[in-house]
Amino acid sequence: MKINFEYHNVTASPRLEAFITERLNKLETKYDSIVSADVYFKKQNATNPEIGKICSVRLSVPGPTIFSETSTASFEASVAKVVTELRTQLQKRKEKMKTY
């Protein structure tokens, strides 16, 4: 799987890239239809300290792309939430697919 990283108002972090790469590789072992992933990290000024660090992931899979985005107080928490949402969407897609 090819993973593209993009940062907006955030400095690039190899630690963060390794963290999400590990999580996405776990998804790929269970759902082998994933072709590539586009990961976006954004920092947004917010009055609430519980949000503001946004992680968005778009997965390229056969059929419509799968997208998830969340905003929390840290990028690690955002990544964890996004991966959970992606896992749910992939599971639903897998259940709909029929083998003939």
C-alpha atoms as a PDB file:
ATOM      1  CA  MET A   1       0.000   0.000   0.000  1.00  0.00           C
ATOM      2  CA  LYS A   2       1.242   3.452  -0.874  1.00  0.00           C
ATOM      3  CA  ILE A   3       0.746   6.161   1.749  1.00  0.00           C
ATOM      4  CA  ASN A   4       0.902   9.882   0.901  1.00  0.00           C
ATOM      5  CA  PHE A   5       1.284  12.414   3.718  1.00  0.00           C
ATOM      6  CA  GLU A   6       0.252  16.063   3.572  1.00  0.00           C
ATOM      7  CA  TYR A   7       0.623  18.686   6.293  1.00  0.00           C
ATOM      8  CA  HIS A   8      -1.233  22.007   6.680  1.00  0.00           C
ATOM      9  CA  ASN A   9       0.010  24.413   9.388  1.00  0.00           C
ATOM     10  CA  VAL A  10       1.926  21.490  10.943  1.00  0.00           C
ATOM     11  CA  THR A  11       5.600  20.525  10.698  1.00  0.00           C
ATOM     12  CA  ALA A  12       6.309  17.078   9.265  1.00  0.00           C
ATOM     13  CA  SER A  13       6.894  14.435  11.915  1.00  0.00           C
ATOM     14  CA  PRO A  14       8.557  11.070  11.184  1.00  0.00           C
ATOM     15  CA  ARG A  15       7.209   9.744  14.511  1.00  0.00           C
ATOM     16  CA  LEU A  16       3.643  10.611  13.514  1.00  0.00           C
ATOM     17  CA  GLU A  17       4.122   9.100  10.052  1.00  0.00           C
ATOM     18  CA  ALA A  18       5.455   5.862  11.581  1.00  0.00           C
ATOM     19  CA  PHE A  19       2.505   5.754  13.996  1.00  0.00           C
ATOM     20  CA  ILE A  20      -0.171   6.016  11.319  1.00  0.00           C
ATOM     21  CA  THR A  21       1.743   3.763   8.906  1.00  0.00           C
ATOM     22  CA  GLU A  22       1.712   1.026  11.541  1.00  0.00           C
ATOM     23  CA  ARG A  23      -2.039   1.448  12.093  1.00  0.00           C
ATOM     24  CA  LEU A  24      -2.836   1.460   8.357  1.00  0.00           C
ATOM     25  CA  ASN A  25      -0.684  -1.621   7.739  1.00  0.00           C
ATOM     26  CA  LYS A  26      -2.746  -3.477  10.359  1.00  0.00           C
ATOM     27  CA  LEU A  27      -5.882  -2.514   8.414  1.00  0.00           C
ATOM     28  CA  GLU A  28      -4.316  -3.696   5.172  1.00  0.00           C
ATOM     29  CA  THR A  29      -3.556  -7.152   6.604  1.00  0.00           C
ATOM     30  CA  LYS A  30      -7.256  -7.637   7.365  1.00  0.00           C
ATOM     31  CA  TYR A  31      -8.676  -5.858   4.293  1.00  0.00           C
ATOM     32  CA  ASP A  32      -6.414  -6.634   1.340  1.00  0.00           C
ATOM     33  CA  SER A  33      -8.406  -4.514  -1.130  1.00  0.00           C
ATOM     34  CA  ILE A  34      -6.758  -1.244   0.022  1.00  0.00           C
ATOM     35  CA  VAL A  35      -4.670   0.237  -2.799  1.00  0.00           C
ATOM     36  CA  SER A  36      -3.395   3.499  -1.294  1.00  0.00           C
ATOM     37  CA  ALA A  37      -4.022   6.011   1.466  1.00  0.00           C
ATOM     38  CA  ASP A  38      -3.878   9.796   1.548  1.00  0.00           C
ATOM     39  CA  VAL A  39      -3.261  11.155   5.048  1.00  0.00           C
ATOM     40  CA  TYR A  40      -3.798  14.837   5.916  1.00  0.00           C
ATOM     41  CA  PHE A  41      -2.748  16.505   9.149  1.00  0.00           C
ATOM     42  CA  LYS A  42      -4.159  19.976   9.854  1.00  0.00           C
ATOM     43  CA  LYS A  43      -3.944  22.317  12.789  1.00  0.00           C
ATOM     44  CA  GLN A  44      -6.915  24.585  13.322  1.00  0.00           C
ATOM     45  CA  ASN A  45      -7.275  27.439  15.765  1.00  0.00           C
ATOM     46  CA  ALA A  46     -10.140  26.593  18.068  1.00  0.00           C
ATOM     47  CA  THR A  47     -11.470  28.124  21.236  1.00  0.00           C
ATOM     48  CA  ASN A  48     -12.091  24.661  22.680  1.00  0.00           C
ATOM     49  CA  PRO A  49      -8.803  22.960  23.742  1.00  0.00           C
ATOM     50  CA  GLU A  50     -10.408  19.525  23.191  1.00  0.00           C
ATOM     51  CA  ILE A  51     -10.304  19.951  19.402  1.00  0.00           C
ATOM     52  CA  GLY A  52      -8.043  21.522  16.815  1.00  0.00           C
ATOM     53  CA  LYS A  53      -5.686  18.740  15.687  1.00  0.00           C
ATOM     54  CA  ILE A  54      -7.339  17.237  12.632  1.00  0.00           C
ATOM     55  CA  CYS A  55      -6.440  13.963  10.937  1.00  0.00           C
ATOM     56  CA  SER A  56      -8.111  12.982   7.657  1.00  0.00           C
ATOM     57  CA  VAL A  57      -7.563   9.736   5.770  1.00  0.00           C
ATOM     58  CA  ARG A  58      -8.844   8.801   2.325  1.00  0.00           C
ATOM     59  CA  LEU A  59      -8.476   5.151   1.322  1.00  0.00           C
ATOM     60  CA  SER A  60      -8.458   4.099  -2.309  1.00  0.00           C
ATOM     61  CA  VAL A  61     -10.327   0.823  -2.611  1.00  0.00           C
ATOM     62  CA  PRO A  62     -12.322  -0.753  -5.427  1.00  0.00           C
ATOM     63  CA  GLY A  63     -15.544   1.205  -5.724  1.00  0.00           C
ATOM     64  CA  PRO A  64     -16.104   4.520  -3.977  1.00  0.00           C
ATOM     65  CA  THR A  65     -13.255   5.839  -1.845  1.00  0.00           C
ATOM     66  CA  ILE A  66     -13.520   5.626   1.930  1.00  0.00           C
ATOM     67  CA  PHE A  67     -12.953   8.822   3.900  1.00  0.00           C
ATOM     68  CA  SER A  68     -12.778   9.673   7.582  1.00  0.00           C
ATOM     69  CA  GLU A  69     -11.866  12.848   9.464  1.00  0.00           C
ATOM     70  CA  THR A  70     -11.745  13.709  13.152  1.00  0.00           C
ATOM     71  CA  SER A  71     -10.534  16.506  15.396  1.00  0.00           C
ATOM     72  CA  THR A  72      -9.219  15.993  18.942  1.00  0.00           C
ATOM     73  CA  ALA A  73      -6.667  17.512  21.325  1.00  0.00           C
ATOM     74  CA  SER A  74      -3.748  15.457  19.935  1.00  0.00           C
ATOM     75  CA  PHE A  75      -2.821  13.956  16.588  1.00  0.00           C
ATOM     76  CA  GLU A  76      -2.364  10.498  18.127  1.00  0.00           C
ATOM     77  CA  ALA A  77      -5.939  10.484  19.440  1.00  0.00           C
ATOM     78  CA  SER A  78      -7.189  11.743  16.069  1.00  0.00           C
ATOM     79  CA  VAL A  79      -5.343   8.936  14.287  1.00  0.00           C
ATOM     80  CA  ALA A  80      -6.829   6.327  16.637  1.00  0.00           C
ATOM     81  CA  LYS A  81     -10.376   7.609  16.046  1.00  0.00           C
ATOM     82  CA  VAL A  82      -9.905   7.806  12.270  1.00  0.00           C
ATOM     83  CA  VAL A  83      -8.568   4.255  12.058  1.00  0.00           C
ATOM     84  CA  THR A  84     -11.515   2.977  14.104  1.00  0.00           C
ATOM     85  CA  GLU A  85     -13.967   4.715  11.773  1.00  0.00           C
ATOM     86  CA  LEU A  86     -12.166   3.370   8.704  1.00  0.00           C
ATOM     87  CA  ARG A  87     -12.253  -0.163  10.125  1.00  0.00           C
ATOM     88  CA  THR A  88     -16.038   0.150  10.577  1.00  0.00           C
ATOM     89  CA  GLN A  89     -16.517   1.383   7.006  1.00  0.00           C
ATOM     90  CA  LEU A  90     -14.277  -1.357   5.586  1.00  0.00           C
ATOM     91  CA  GLN A  91     -16.193  -4.009   7.532  1.00  0.00           C
ATOM     92  CA  LYS A  92     -19.506  -2.749   6.154  1.00  0.00           C
ATOM     93  CA  ARG A  93     -18.091  -2.760   2.625  1.00  0.00           C
ATOM     94  CA  LYS A  94     -16.734  -6.280   3.060  1.00  0.00           C
ATOM     95  CA  GLU A  95     -20.122  -7.556   4.272  1.00  0.00           C
ATOM     96  CA  LYS A  96     -21.874  -6.082   1.216  1.00  0.00           C
ATOM     97  CA  MET A  97     -19.462  -7.691  -1.245  1.00  0.00           C
ATOM     98  CA  LYS A  98     -20.554 -11.073  -2.594  1.00  0.00           C
ATOM     99  CA  THR A  99     -18.368 -13.720  -4.110  1.00  0.00           C
ATOM    100  CA  TYR A 100     -19.791 -15.465  -7.141  1.00  0.00           C
END
